[in-house]
Amino acid sequence: MDNILNTITAYRKERKWSLYDLAAHAELKPSTISTWYNDNAIPTIPSLVKICDAFQITLSEFFAKAEGSESAPVALTSQQMQVIEKWSILRPDQQEAFLNLLNTIP
């Protein structure tokens, strides 16, 4: 969780953007971004997509930096992105059921 917010902060500071600037570039409400930091909350995948678009990076690049990975980022297909976006709206029990279903595939 901290890695995600720290990564957003790092990209924002590289561009010398305030939280308000980030909100404007990502087309998000400034209060939404402030809530993440104040409540130490994780942004939703759709919000992260908007942030990555504002930074002109992919989600893969974002998470590679968040994890401190030295490997090249992996580009996701539109179908993979759809799965990730749907995942973010599932309840924990639905996520577990989905993973169980995936684990049945050889």
PDB file of N, CA and C in Angstrom:
ATOM      1  N   MET A   1       0.830  -1.187   0.000  1.00  0.00           N
ATOM      2  CA  MET A   1       0.000   0.000   0.000  1.00  0.00           C
ATOM      3  C   MET A   1       0.869   1.243   0.000  1.00  0.00           C
ATOM      4  N   ASP A   2       1.836   1.288   0.909  1.00  0.00           N
ATOM      5  CA  ASP A   2       2.739   2.434   0.952  1.00  0.00           C
ATOM      6  C   ASP A   2       3.519   2.562  -0.345  1.00  0.00           C
ATOM      7  N   ASN A   3       3.897   1.407  -0.938  1.00  0.00           N
ATOM      8  CA  ASN A   3       4.651   1.449  -2.186  1.00  0.00           C
ATOM      9  C   ASN A   3       3.870   2.142  -3.288  1.00  0.00           C
ATOM     10  N   ILE A   4       2.573   1.917  -3.334  1.00  0.00           N
ATOM     11  CA  ILE A   4       1.752   2.538  -4.376  1.00  0.00           C
ATOM     12  C   ILE A   4       1.733   4.046  -4.192  1.00  0.00           C
ATOM     13  N   LEU A   5       1.458   4.501  -2.978  1.00  0.00           N
ATOM     14  CA  LEU A   5       1.428   5.945  -2.728  1.00  0.00           C
ATOM     15  C   LEU A   5       2.817   6.562  -2.890  1.00  0.00           C
ATOM     16  N   ASN A   6       3.846   5.841  -2.447  1.00  0.00           N
ATOM     17  CA  ASN A   6       5.213   6.351  -2.620  1.00  0.00           C
ATOM     18  C   ASN A   6       5.580   6.454  -4.094  1.00  0.00           C
ATOM     19  N   THR A   7       5.119   5.505  -4.891  1.00  0.00           N
ATOM     20  CA  THR A   7       5.408   5.536  -6.321  1.00  0.00           C
ATOM     21  C   THR A   7       4.679   6.693  -6.989  1.00  0.00           C
ATOM     22  N   ILE A   8       3.429   6.911  -6.614  1.00  0.00           N
ATOM     23  CA  ILE A   8       2.695   8.069  -7.141  1.00  0.00           C
ATOM     24  C   ILE A   8       3.439   9.348  -6.784  1.00  0.00           C
ATOM     25  N   THR A   9       3.876   9.448  -5.537  1.00  0.00           N
ATOM     26  CA  THR A   9       4.614  10.633  -5.090  1.00  0.00           C
ATOM     27  C   THR A   9       5.899  10.808  -5.881  1.00  0.00           C
ATOM     28  N   ALA A  10       6.625   9.721  -6.118  1.00  0.00           N
ATOM     29  CA  ALA A  10       7.889   9.804  -6.861  1.00  0.00           C
ATOM     30  C   ALA A  10       7.652  10.311  -8.281  1.00  0.00           C
ATOM     31  N   TYR A  11       6.681   9.742  -8.972  1.00  0.00           N
ATOM     32  CA  TYR A  11       6.379  10.203 -10.334  1.00  0.00           C
ATOM     33  C   TYR A  11       5.909  11.657 -10.324  1.00  0.00           C
ATOM     34  N   ARG A  12       5.111  12.007  -9.320  1.00  0.00           N
ATOM     35  CA  ARG A  12       4.598  13.377  -9.224  1.00  0.00           C
ATOM     36  C   ARG A  12       5.733  14.368  -9.005  1.00  0.00           C
ATOM     37  N   LYS A  13       6.660  14.020  -8.107  1.00  0.00           N
ATOM     38  CA  LYS A  13       7.782  14.920  -7.814  1.00  0.00           C
ATOM     39  C   LYS A  13       8.747  15.030  -8.990  1.00  0.00           C
ATOM     40  N   GLU A  14       8.906  13.931  -9.770  1.00  0.00           N
ATOM     41  CA  GLU A  14       9.743  14.003 -10.971  1.00  0.00           C
ATOM     42  C   GLU A  14       9.234  15.082 -11.917  1.00  0.00           C
ATOM     43  N   ARG A  15       7.937  15.274 -11.911  1.00  0.00           N
ATOM     44  CA  ARG A  15       7.314  16.252 -12.802  1.00  0.00           C
ATOM     45  C   ARG A  15       7.077  17.598 -12.115  1.00  0.00           C
ATOM     46  N   LYS A  16       7.439  17.655 -10.834  1.00  0.00           N
ATOM     47  CA  LYS A  16       7.223  18.866 -10.027  1.00  0.00           C
ATOM     48  C   LYS A  16       5.732  19.246  -9.985  1.00  0.00           C
ATOM     49  N   TRP A  17       4.896  18.217  -9.840  1.00  0.00           N
ATOM     50  CA  TRP A  17       3.458  18.412  -9.764  1.00  0.00           C
ATOM     51  C   TRP A  17       3.004  18.406  -8.317  1.00  0.00           C
ATOM     52  N   SER A  18       2.074  19.270  -8.005  1.00  0.00           N
ATOM     53  CA  SER A  18       1.394  19.226  -6.710  1.00  0.00           C
ATOM     54  C   SER A  18       0.300  18.157  -6.792  1.00  0.00           C
ATOM     55  N   LEU A  19      -0.334  17.880  -5.665  1.00  0.00           N
ATOM     56  CA  LEU A  19      -1.468  16.953  -5.693  1.00  0.00           C
ATOM     57  C   LEU A  19      -2.574  17.498  -6.591  1.00  0.00           C
ATOM     58  N   TYR A  20      -2.746  18.818  -6.560  1.00  0.00           N
ATOM     59  CA  TYR A  20      -3.758  19.451  -7.406  1.00  0.00           C
ATOM     60  C   TYR A  20      -3.409  19.272  -8.882  1.00  0.00           C
ATOM     61  N   ASP A  21      -2.128  19.426  -9.230  1.00  0.00           N
ATOM     62  CA  ASP A  21      -1.697  19.225 -10.618  1.00  0.00           C
ATOM     63  C   ASP A  21      -1.983  17.798 -11.066  1.00  0.00           C
ATOM     64  N   LEU A  22      -1.652  16.834 -10.206  1.00  0.00           N
ATOM     65  CA  LEU A  22      -1.904  15.434 -10.540  1.00  0.00           C
ATOM     66  C   LEU A  22      -3.394  15.209 -10.771  1.00  0.00           C
ATOM     67  N   ALA A  23      -4.218  15.743  -9.891  1.00  0.00           N
ATOM     68  CA  ALA A  23      -5.665  15.585 -10.038  1.00  0.00           C
ATOM     69  C   ALA A  23      -6.141  16.152 -11.374  1.00  0.00           C
ATOM     70  N   ALA A  24      -5.625  17.307 -11.742  1.00  0.00           N
ATOM     71  CA  ALA A  24      -6.027  17.927 -13.007  1.00  0.00           C
ATOM     72  C   ALA A  24      -5.587  17.084 -14.201  1.00  0.00           C
ATOM     73  N   HIS A  25      -4.340  16.627 -14.195  1.00  0.00           N
ATOM     74  CA  HIS A  25      -3.824  15.822 -15.307  1.00  0.00           C
ATOM     75  C   HIS A  25      -4.524  14.464 -15.402  1.00  0.00           C
ATOM     76  N   ALA A  26      -4.883  13.889 -14.261  1.00  0.00           N
ATOM     77  CA  ALA A  26      -5.511  12.562 -14.235  1.00  0.00           C
ATOM     78  C   ALA A  26      -7.038  12.635 -14.295  1.00  0.00           C
ATOM     79  N   GLU A  27      -7.563  13.852 -14.300  1.00  0.00           N
ATOM     80  CA  GLU A  27      -9.013  14.057 -14.318  1.00  0.00           C
ATOM     81  C   GLU A  27      -9.692  13.369 -13.131  1.00  0.00           C
ATOM     82  N   LEU A  28      -9.088  13.570 -11.961  1.00  0.00           N
ATOM     83  CA  LEU A  28      -9.632  13.070 -10.698  1.00  0.00           C
ATOM     84  C   LEU A  28      -9.893  14.258  -9.780  1.00  0.00           C
ATOM     85  N   LYS A  29     -10.743  14.062  -8.792  1.00  0.00           N
ATOM     86  CA  LYS A  29     -10.989  15.122  -7.819  1.00  0.00           C
ATOM     87  C   LYS A  29      -9.787  15.216  -6.881  1.00  0.00           C
ATOM     88  N   PRO A  30      -9.329  16.432  -6.571  1.00  0.00           N
ATOM     89  CA  PRO A  30      -8.226  16.570  -5.614  1.00  0.00           C
ATOM     90  C   PRO A  30      -8.542  15.901  -4.277  1.00  0.00           C
ATOM     91  N   SER A  31      -9.805  15.947  -3.863  1.00  0.00           N
ATOM     92  CA  SER A  31     -10.185  15.329  -2.586  1.00  0.00           C
ATOM     93  C   SER A  31     -10.006  13.811  -2.624  1.00  0.00           C
ATOM     94  N   THR A  32     -10.180  13.213  -3.790  1.00  0.00           N
ATOM     95  CA  THR A  32      -9.974  11.765  -3.929  1.00  0.00           C
ATOM     96  C   THR A  32      -8.526  11.414  -3.643  1.00  0.00           C
ATOM     97  N   ILE A  33      -7.619  12.169  -4.247  1.00  0.00           N
ATOM     98  CA  ILE A  33      -6.191  11.901  -4.066  1.00  0.00           C
ATOM     99  C   ILE A  33      -5.778  12.188  -2.625  1.00  0.00           C
ATOM    100  N   SER A  34      -6.276  13.266  -2.057  1.00  0.00           N
ATOM    101  CA  SER A  34      -5.961  13.591  -0.659  1.00  0.00           C
ATOM    102  C   SER A  34      -6.422  12.487   0.282  1.00  0.00           C
ATOM    103  N   THR A  35      -7.581  11.911   0.001  1.00  0.00           N
ATOM    104  CA  THR A  35      -8.108  10.831   0.837  1.00  0.00           C
ATOM    105  C   THR A  35      -7.167   9.637   0.845  1.00  0.00           C
ATOM    106  N   TRP A  36      -6.580   9.311  -0.316  1.00  0.00           N
ATOM    107  CA  TRP A  36      -5.634   8.185  -0.360  1.00  0.00           C
ATOM    108  C   TRP A  36      -4.506   8.408   0.629  1.00  0.00           C
ATOM    109  N   TYR A  37      -3.950   9.607   0.617  1.00  0.00           N
ATOM    110  CA  TYR A  37      -2.808   9.903   1.486  1.00  0.00           C
ATOM    111  C   TYR A  37      -3.230  10.026   2.947  1.00  0.00           C
ATOM    112  N   ASN A  38      -4.343  10.700   3.197  1.00  0.00           N
ATOM    113  CA  ASN A  38      -4.789  10.904   4.579  1.00  0.00           C
ATOM    114  C   ASN A  38      -5.236   9.605   5.242  1.00  0.00           C
ATOM    115  N   ASP A  39      -5.883   8.732   4.469  1.00  0.00           N
ATOM    116  CA  ASP A  39      -6.394   7.474   5.019  1.00  0.00           C
ATOM    117  C   ASP A  39      -5.479   6.295   4.721  1.00  0.00           C
ATOM    118  N   ASN A  40      -4.345   6.568   4.065  1.00  0.00           N
ATOM    119  CA  ASN A  40      -3.407   5.518   3.648  1.00  0.00           C
ATOM    120  C   ASN A  40      -4.157   4.426   2.884  1.00  0.00           C
ATOM    121  N   ALA A  41      -4.998   4.871   1.937  1.00  0.00           N
ATOM    122  CA  ALA A  41      -5.851   3.970   1.165  1.00  0.00           C
ATOM    123  C   ALA A  41      -5.231   3.675  -0.198  1.00  0.00           C
ATOM    124  N   ILE A  42      -5.653   2.578  -0.780  1.00  0.00           N
ATOM    125  CA  ILE A  42      -5.161   2.184  -2.097  1.00  0.00           C
ATOM    126  C   ILE A  42      -6.110   2.723  -3.167  1.00  0.00           C
ATOM    127  N   PRO A  43      -5.580   3.378  -4.188  1.00  0.00           N
ATOM    128  CA  PRO A  43      -6.442   3.825  -5.295  1.00  0.00           C
ATOM    129  C   PRO A  43      -7.036   2.619  -6.030  1.00  0.00           C
ATOM    130  N   THR A  44      -8.198   2.821  -6.619  1.00  0.00           N
ATOM    131  CA  THR A  44      -8.797   1.762  -7.431  1.00  0.00           C
ATOM    132  C   THR A  44      -7.999   1.609  -8.724  1.00  0.00           C
ATOM    133  N   ILE A  45      -8.175   0.486  -9.390  1.00  0.00           N
ATOM    134  CA  ILE A  45      -7.490   0.262 -10.667  1.00  0.00           C
ATOM    135  C   ILE A  45      -7.884   1.335 -11.690  1.00  0.00           C
ATOM    136  N   PRO A  46      -9.177   1.661 -11.846  1.00  0.00           N
ATOM    137  CA  PRO A  46      -9.508   2.725 -12.801  1.00  0.00           C
ATOM    138  C   PRO A  46      -8.818   4.061 -12.469  1.00  0.00           C
ATOM    139  N   SER A  47      -8.681   4.374 -11.185  1.00  0.00           N
ATOM    140  CA  SER A  47      -7.965   5.600 -10.801  1.00  0.00           C
ATOM    141  C   SER A  47      -6.486   5.487 -11.129  1.00  0.00           C
ATOM    142  N   LEU A  48      -5.896   4.312 -10.882  1.00  0.00           N
ATOM    143  CA  LEU A  48      -4.482   4.113 -11.224  1.00  0.00           C
ATOM    144  C   LEU A  48      -4.257   4.215 -12.726  1.00  0.00           C
ATOM    145  N   VAL A  49      -5.213   3.727 -13.505  1.00  0.00           N
ATOM    146  CA  VAL A  49      -5.101   3.845 -14.965  1.00  0.00           C
ATOM    147  C   VAL A  49      -5.066   5.318 -15.359  1.00  0.00           C
ATOM    148  N   LYS A  50      -5.935   6.124 -14.752  1.00  0.00           N
ATOM    149  CA  LYS A  50      -5.948   7.563 -15.046  1.00  0.00           C
ATOM    150  C   LYS A  50      -4.629   8.217 -14.636  1.00  0.00           C
ATOM    151  N   ILE A  51      -4.103   7.816 -13.490  1.00  0.00           N
ATOM    152  CA  ILE A  51      -2.832   8.370 -13.020  1.00  0.00           C
ATOM    153  C   ILE A  51      -1.704   7.979 -13.968  1.00  0.00           C
ATOM    154  N   CYS A  52      -1.675   6.727 -14.367  1.00  0.00           N
ATOM    155  CA  CYS A  52      -0.639   6.275 -15.305  1.00  0.00           C
ATOM    156  C   CYS A  52      -0.756   7.007 -16.634  1.00  0.00           C
ATOM    157  N   ASP A  53      -1.980   7.214 -17.096  1.00  0.00           N
ATOM    158  CA  ASP A  53      -2.170   7.984 -18.327  1.00  0.00           C
ATOM    159  C   ASP A  53      -1.624   9.398 -18.163  1.00  0.00           C
ATOM    160  N   ALA A  54      -1.869   9.994 -17.011  1.00  0.00           N
ATOM    161  CA  ALA A  54      -1.356  11.345 -16.756  1.00  0.00           C
ATOM    162  C   ALA A  54       0.170  11.365 -16.754  1.00  0.00           C
ATOM    163  N   PHE A  55       0.779  10.325 -16.192  1.00  0.00           N
ATOM    164  CA  PHE A  55       2.243  10.231 -16.159  1.00  0.00           C
ATOM    165  C   PHE A  55       2.816   9.708 -17.482  1.00  0.00           C
ATOM    166  N   GLN A  56       1.934   9.292 -18.390  1.00  0.00           N
ATOM    167  CA  GLN A  56       2.322   8.711 -19.682  1.00  0.00           C
ATOM    168  C   GLN A  56       3.187   7.464 -19.502  1.00  0.00           C
ATOM    169  N   ILE A  57       2.705   6.602 -18.606  1.00  0.00           N
ATOM    170  CA  ILE A  57       3.352   5.309 -18.357  1.00  0.00           C
ATOM    171  C   ILE A  57       2.270   4.235 -18.365  1.00  0.00           C
ATOM    172  N   THR A  58       2.698   2.982 -18.444  1.00  0.00           N
ATOM    173  CA  THR A  58       1.749   1.871 -18.363  1.00  0.00           C
ATOM    174  C   THR A  58       1.594   1.441 -16.909  1.00  0.00           C
ATOM    175  N   LEU A  59       0.529   0.701 -16.642  1.00  0.00           N
ATOM    176  CA  LEU A  59       0.362   0.129 -15.301  1.00  0.00           C
ATOM    177  C   LEU A  59       1.533  -0.782 -14.970  1.00  0.00           C
ATOM    178  N   SER A  60       2.001  -1.491 -15.971  1.00  0.00           N
ATOM    179  CA  SER A  60       3.134  -2.392 -15.769  1.00  0.00           C
ATOM    180  C   SER A  60       4.374  -1.615 -15.332  1.00  0.00           C
ATOM    181  N   GLU A  61       4.636  -0.491 -15.977  1.00  0.00           N
ATOM    182  CA  GLU A  61       5.781   0.349 -15.587  1.00  0.00           C
ATOM    183  C   GLU A  61       5.596   0.874 -14.168  1.00  0.00           C
ATOM    184  N   PHE A  62       4.363   1.273 -13.855  1.00  0.00           N
ATOM    185  CA  PHE A  62       4.073   1.788 -12.518  1.00  0.00           C
ATOM    186  C   PHE A  62       4.385   0.739 -11.457  1.00  0.00           C
ATOM    187  N   PHE A  63       3.855  -0.482 -11.648  1.00  0.00           N
ATOM    188  CA  PHE A  63       4.055  -1.519 -10.640  1.00  0.00           C
ATOM    189  C   PHE A  63       5.487  -2.032 -10.612  1.00  0.00           C
ATOM    190  N   ALA A  64       6.174  -1.989 -11.745  1.00  0.00           N
ATOM    191  CA  ALA A  64       7.592  -2.367 -11.750  1.00  0.00           C
ATOM    192  C   ALA A  64       8.376  -1.413 -10.852  1.00  0.00           C
ATOM    193  N   LYS A  65       8.060  -0.124 -10.950  1.00  0.00           N
ATOM    194  CA  LYS A  65       8.747   0.854 -10.102  1.00  0.00           C
ATOM    195  C   LYS A  65       8.320   0.688  -8.643  1.00  0.00           C
ATOM    196  N   ALA A  66       7.036   0.437  -8.413  1.00  0.00           N
ATOM    197  CA  ALA A  66       6.527   0.277  -7.044  1.00  0.00           C
ATOM    198  C   ALA A  66       7.188  -0.904  -6.346  1.00  0.00           C
ATOM    199  N   GLU A  67       7.486  -1.950  -7.116  1.00  0.00           N
ATOM    200  CA  GLU A  67       8.103  -3.144  -6.545  1.00  0.00           C
ATOM    201  C   GLU A  67       9.618  -3.078  -6.579  1.00  0.00           C
ATOM    202  N   GLY A  68      10.165  -2.017  -7.146  1.00  0.00           N
ATOM    203  CA  GLY A  68      11.613  -1.893  -7.232  1.00  0.00           C
ATOM    204  C   GLY A  68      12.206  -2.876  -8.217  1.00  0.00           C
ATOM    205  N   SER A  69      11.400  -3.307  -9.166  1.00  0.00           N
ATOM    206  CA  SER A  69      11.837  -4.304 -10.140  1.00  0.00           C
ATOM    207  C   SER A  69      12.760  -3.683 -11.176  1.00  0.00           C
ATOM    208  N   GLU A  70      13.806  -4.408 -11.493  1.00  0.00           N
ATOM    209  CA  GLU A  70      14.742  -3.969 -12.520  1.00  0.00           C
ATOM    210  C   GLU A  70      14.376  -4.541 -13.886  1.00  0.00           C
ATOM    211  N   SER A  71      13.431  -5.478 -13.906  1.00  0.00           N
ATOM    212  CA  SER A  71      13.075  -6.103 -15.176  1.00  0.00           C
ATOM    213  C   SER A  71      12.205  -5.170 -16.012  1.00  0.00           C
ATOM    214  N   ALA A  72      12.183  -5.445 -17.296  1.00  0.00           N
ATOM    215  CA  ALA A  72      11.383  -4.635 -18.207  1.00  0.00           C
ATOM    216  C   ALA A  72       9.902  -4.862 -17.919  1.00  0.00           C
ATOM    217  N   PRO A  73       9.105  -3.814 -18.004  1.00  0.00           N
ATOM    218  CA  PRO A  73       7.679  -3.965 -17.747  1.00  0.00           C
ATOM    219  C   PRO A  73       7.006  -4.821 -18.823  1.00  0.00           C
ATOM    220  N   VAL A  74       5.923  -5.455 -18.434  1.00  0.00           N
ATOM    221  CA  VAL A  74       5.154  -6.289 -19.346  1.00  0.00           C
ATOM    222  C   VAL A  74       3.941  -5.498 -19.809  1.00  0.00           C
ATOM    223  N   ALA A  75       3.708  -5.474 -21.103  1.00  0.00           N
ATOM    224  CA  ALA A  75       2.539  -4.775 -21.642  1.00  0.00           C
ATOM    225  C   ALA A  75       1.322  -5.686 -21.527  1.00  0.00           C
ATOM    226  N   LEU A  76       0.230  -5.149 -21.008  1.00  0.00           N
ATOM    227  CA  LEU A  76      -0.998  -5.917 -20.863  1.00  0.00           C
ATOM    228  C   LEU A  76      -1.889  -5.706 -22.078  1.00  0.00           C
ATOM    229  N   THR A  77      -2.560  -6.769 -22.495  1.00  0.00           N
ATOM    230  CA  THR A  77      -3.523  -6.652 -23.584  1.00  0.00           C
ATOM    231  C   THR A  77      -4.792  -5.997 -23.051  1.00  0.00           C
ATOM    232  N   SER A  78      -5.661  -5.595 -23.956  1.00  0.00           N
ATOM    233  CA  SER A  78      -6.917  -4.982 -23.520  1.00  0.00           C
ATOM    234  C   SER A  78      -7.767  -5.988 -22.743  1.00  0.00           C
ATOM    235  N   GLN A  79      -7.692  -7.266 -23.117  1.00  0.00           N
ATOM    236  CA  GLN A  79      -8.442  -8.284 -22.380  1.00  0.00           C
ATOM    237  C   GLN A  79      -7.892  -8.453 -20.967  1.00  0.00           C
ATOM    238  N   GLN A  80      -6.575  -8.426 -20.812  1.00  0.00           N
ATOM    239  CA  GLN A  80      -5.976  -8.528 -19.481  1.00  0.00           C
ATOM    240  C   GLN A  80      -6.365  -7.317 -18.635  1.00  0.00           C
ATOM    241  N   MET A  81      -6.406  -6.152 -19.257  1.00  0.00           N
ATOM    242  CA  MET A  81      -6.820  -4.944 -18.530  1.00  0.00           C
ATOM    243  C   MET A  81      -8.272  -5.064 -18.070  1.00  0.00           C
ATOM    244  N   GLN A  82      -9.127  -5.648 -18.909  1.00  0.00           N
ATOM    245  CA  GLN A  82     -10.526  -5.836 -18.525  1.00  0.00           C
ATOM    246  C   GLN A  82     -10.632  -6.724 -17.291  1.00  0.00           C
ATOM    247  N   VAL A  83      -9.834  -7.780 -17.245  1.00  0.00           N
ATOM    248  CA  VAL A  83      -9.846  -8.677 -16.088  1.00  0.00           C
ATOM    249  C   VAL A  83      -9.428  -7.914 -14.832  1.00  0.00           C
ATOM    250  N   ILE A  84      -8.383  -7.114 -14.941  1.00  0.00           N
ATOM    251  CA  ILE A  84      -7.894  -6.347 -13.788  1.00  0.00           C
ATOM    252  C   ILE A  84      -8.944  -5.342 -13.331  1.00  0.00           C
ATOM    253  N   GLU A  85      -9.577  -4.663 -14.283  1.00  0.00           N
ATOM    254  CA  GLU A  85     -10.596  -3.678 -13.923  1.00  0.00           C
ATOM    255  C   GLU A  85     -11.791  -4.349 -13.243  1.00  0.00           C
ATOM    256  N   LYS A  86     -12.210  -5.498 -13.756  1.00  0.00           N
ATOM    257  CA  LYS A  86     -13.325  -6.226 -13.130  1.00  0.00           C
ATOM    258  C   LYS A  86     -12.929  -6.732 -11.747  1.00  0.00           C
ATOM    259  N   TRP A  87     -11.681  -7.180 -11.615  1.00  0.00           N
ATOM    260  CA  TRP A  87     -11.178  -7.690 -10.334  1.00  0.00           C
ATOM    261  C   TRP A  87     -11.343  -6.637  -9.242  1.00  0.00           C
ATOM    262  N   SER A  88     -11.065  -5.389  -9.581  1.00  0.00           N
ATOM    263  CA  SER A  88     -11.061  -4.332  -8.566  1.00  0.00           C
ATOM    264  C   SER A  88     -12.443  -4.054  -7.987  1.00  0.00           C
ATOM    265  N   ILE A  89     -13.503  -4.486  -8.678  1.00  0.00           N
ATOM    266  CA  ILE A  89     -14.847  -4.237  -8.144  1.00  0.00           C
ATOM    267  C   ILE A  89     -15.441  -5.464  -7.449  1.00  0.00           C
ATOM    268  N   LEU A  90     -14.695  -6.569  -7.466  1.00  0.00           N
ATOM    269  CA  LEU A  90     -15.170  -7.783  -6.799  1.00  0.00           C
ATOM    270  C   LEU A  90     -14.977  -7.701  -5.283  1.00  0.00           C
ATOM    271  N   ARG A  91     -15.906  -8.319  -4.561  1.00  0.00           N
ATOM    272  CA  ARG A  91     -15.742  -8.466  -3.117  1.00  0.00           C
ATOM    273  C   ARG A  91     -14.659  -9.515  -2.870  1.00  0.00           C
ATOM    274  N   PRO A  92     -14.058  -9.532  -1.678  1.00  0.00           N
ATOM    275  CA  PRO A  92     -13.014 -10.529  -1.392  1.00  0.00           C
ATOM    276  C   PRO A  92     -13.466 -11.971  -1.629  1.00  0.00           C
ATOM    277  N   ASP A  93     -14.705 -12.304  -1.263  1.00  0.00           N
ATOM    278  CA  ASP A  93     -15.175 -13.678  -1.487  1.00  0.00           C
ATOM    279  C   ASP A  93     -15.309 -13.990  -2.974  1.00  0.00           C
ATOM    280  N   GLN A  94     -15.671 -12.984  -3.777  1.00  0.00           N
ATOM    281  CA  GLN A  94     -15.754 -13.177  -5.222  1.00  0.00           C
ATOM    282  C   GLN A  94     -14.358 -13.330  -5.829  1.00  0.00           C
ATOM    283  N   GLN A  95     -13.399 -12.562  -5.309  1.00  0.00           N
ATOM    284  CA  GLN A  95     -12.023 -12.688  -5.789  1.00  0.00           C
ATOM    285  C   GLN A  95     -11.495 -14.094  -5.517  1.00  0.00           C
ATOM    286  N   GLU A  96     -11.788 -14.598  -4.319  1.00  0.00           N
ATOM    287  CA  GLU A  96     -11.334 -15.949  -3.965  1.00  0.00           C
ATOM    288  C   GLU A  96     -11.981 -16.991  -4.874  1.00  0.00           C
ATOM    289  N   ALA A  97     -13.278 -16.841  -5.139  1.00  0.00           N
ATOM    290  CA  ALA A  97     -13.978 -17.778  -6.023  1.00  0.00           C
ATOM    291  C   ALA A  97     -13.394 -17.722  -7.432  1.00  0.00           C
ATOM    292  N   PHE A  98     -13.073 -16.526  -7.887  1.00  0.00           N
ATOM    293  CA  PHE A  98     -12.479 -16.362  -9.218  1.00  0.00           C
ATOM    294  C   PHE A  98     -11.113 -17.047  -9.291  1.00  0.00           C
ATOM    295  N   LEU A  99     -10.296 -16.851  -8.263  1.00  0.00           N
ATOM    296  CA  LEU A  99      -8.985 -17.508  -8.233  1.00  0.00           C
ATOM    297  C   LEU A  99      -9.129 -19.023  -8.201  1.00  0.00           C
ATOM    298  N   ASN A 100     -10.094 -19.512  -7.434  1.00  0.00           N
ATOM    299  CA  ASN A 100     -10.336 -20.956  -7.389  1.00  0.00           C
ATOM    300  C   ASN A 100     -10.719 -21.484  -8.769  1.00  0.00           C
ATOM    301  N   LEU A 101     -11.545 -20.727  -9.484  1.00  0.00           N
ATOM    302  CA  LEU A 101     -11.917 -21.121 -10.840  1.00  0.00           C
ATOM    303  C   LEU A 101     -10.691 -21.155 -11.748  1.00  0.00           C
ATOM    304  N   LEU A 102      -9.869 -20.118 -11.684  1.00  0.00           N
ATOM    305  CA  LEU A 102      -8.662 -20.072 -12.520  1.00  0.00           C
ATOM    306  C   LEU A 102      -7.722 -21.226 -12.210  1.00  0.00           C
ATOM    307  N   ASN A 103      -7.647 -21.602 -10.952  1.00  0.00           N
ATOM    308  CA  ASN A 103      -6.749 -22.690 -10.553  1.00  0.00           C
ATOM    309  C   ASN A 103      -7.215 -24.056 -11.039  1.00  0.00           C
ATOM    310  N   THR A 104      -8.459 -24.153 -11.509  1.00  0.00           N
ATOM    311  CA  THR A 104      -8.933 -25.427 -12.063  1.00  0.00           C
ATOM    312  C   THR A 104      -8.509 -25.606 -13.519  1.00  0.00           C
ATOM    313  N   ILE A 105      -8.035 -24.547 -14.135  1.00  0.00           N
ATOM    314  CA  ILE A 105      -7.611 -24.616 -15.540  1.00  0.00           C
ATOM    315  C   ILE A 105      -6.199 -25.190 -15.602  1.00  0.00           C
ATOM    316  N   PRO A 106      -6.026 -26.259 -16.412  1.00  0.00           N
ATOM    317  CA  PRO A 106      -4.687 -26.885 -16.477  1.00  0.00           C
ATOM    318  C   PRO A 106      -3.665 -26.003 -17.170  1.00  0.00           C
TER     319      PRO A 106
END
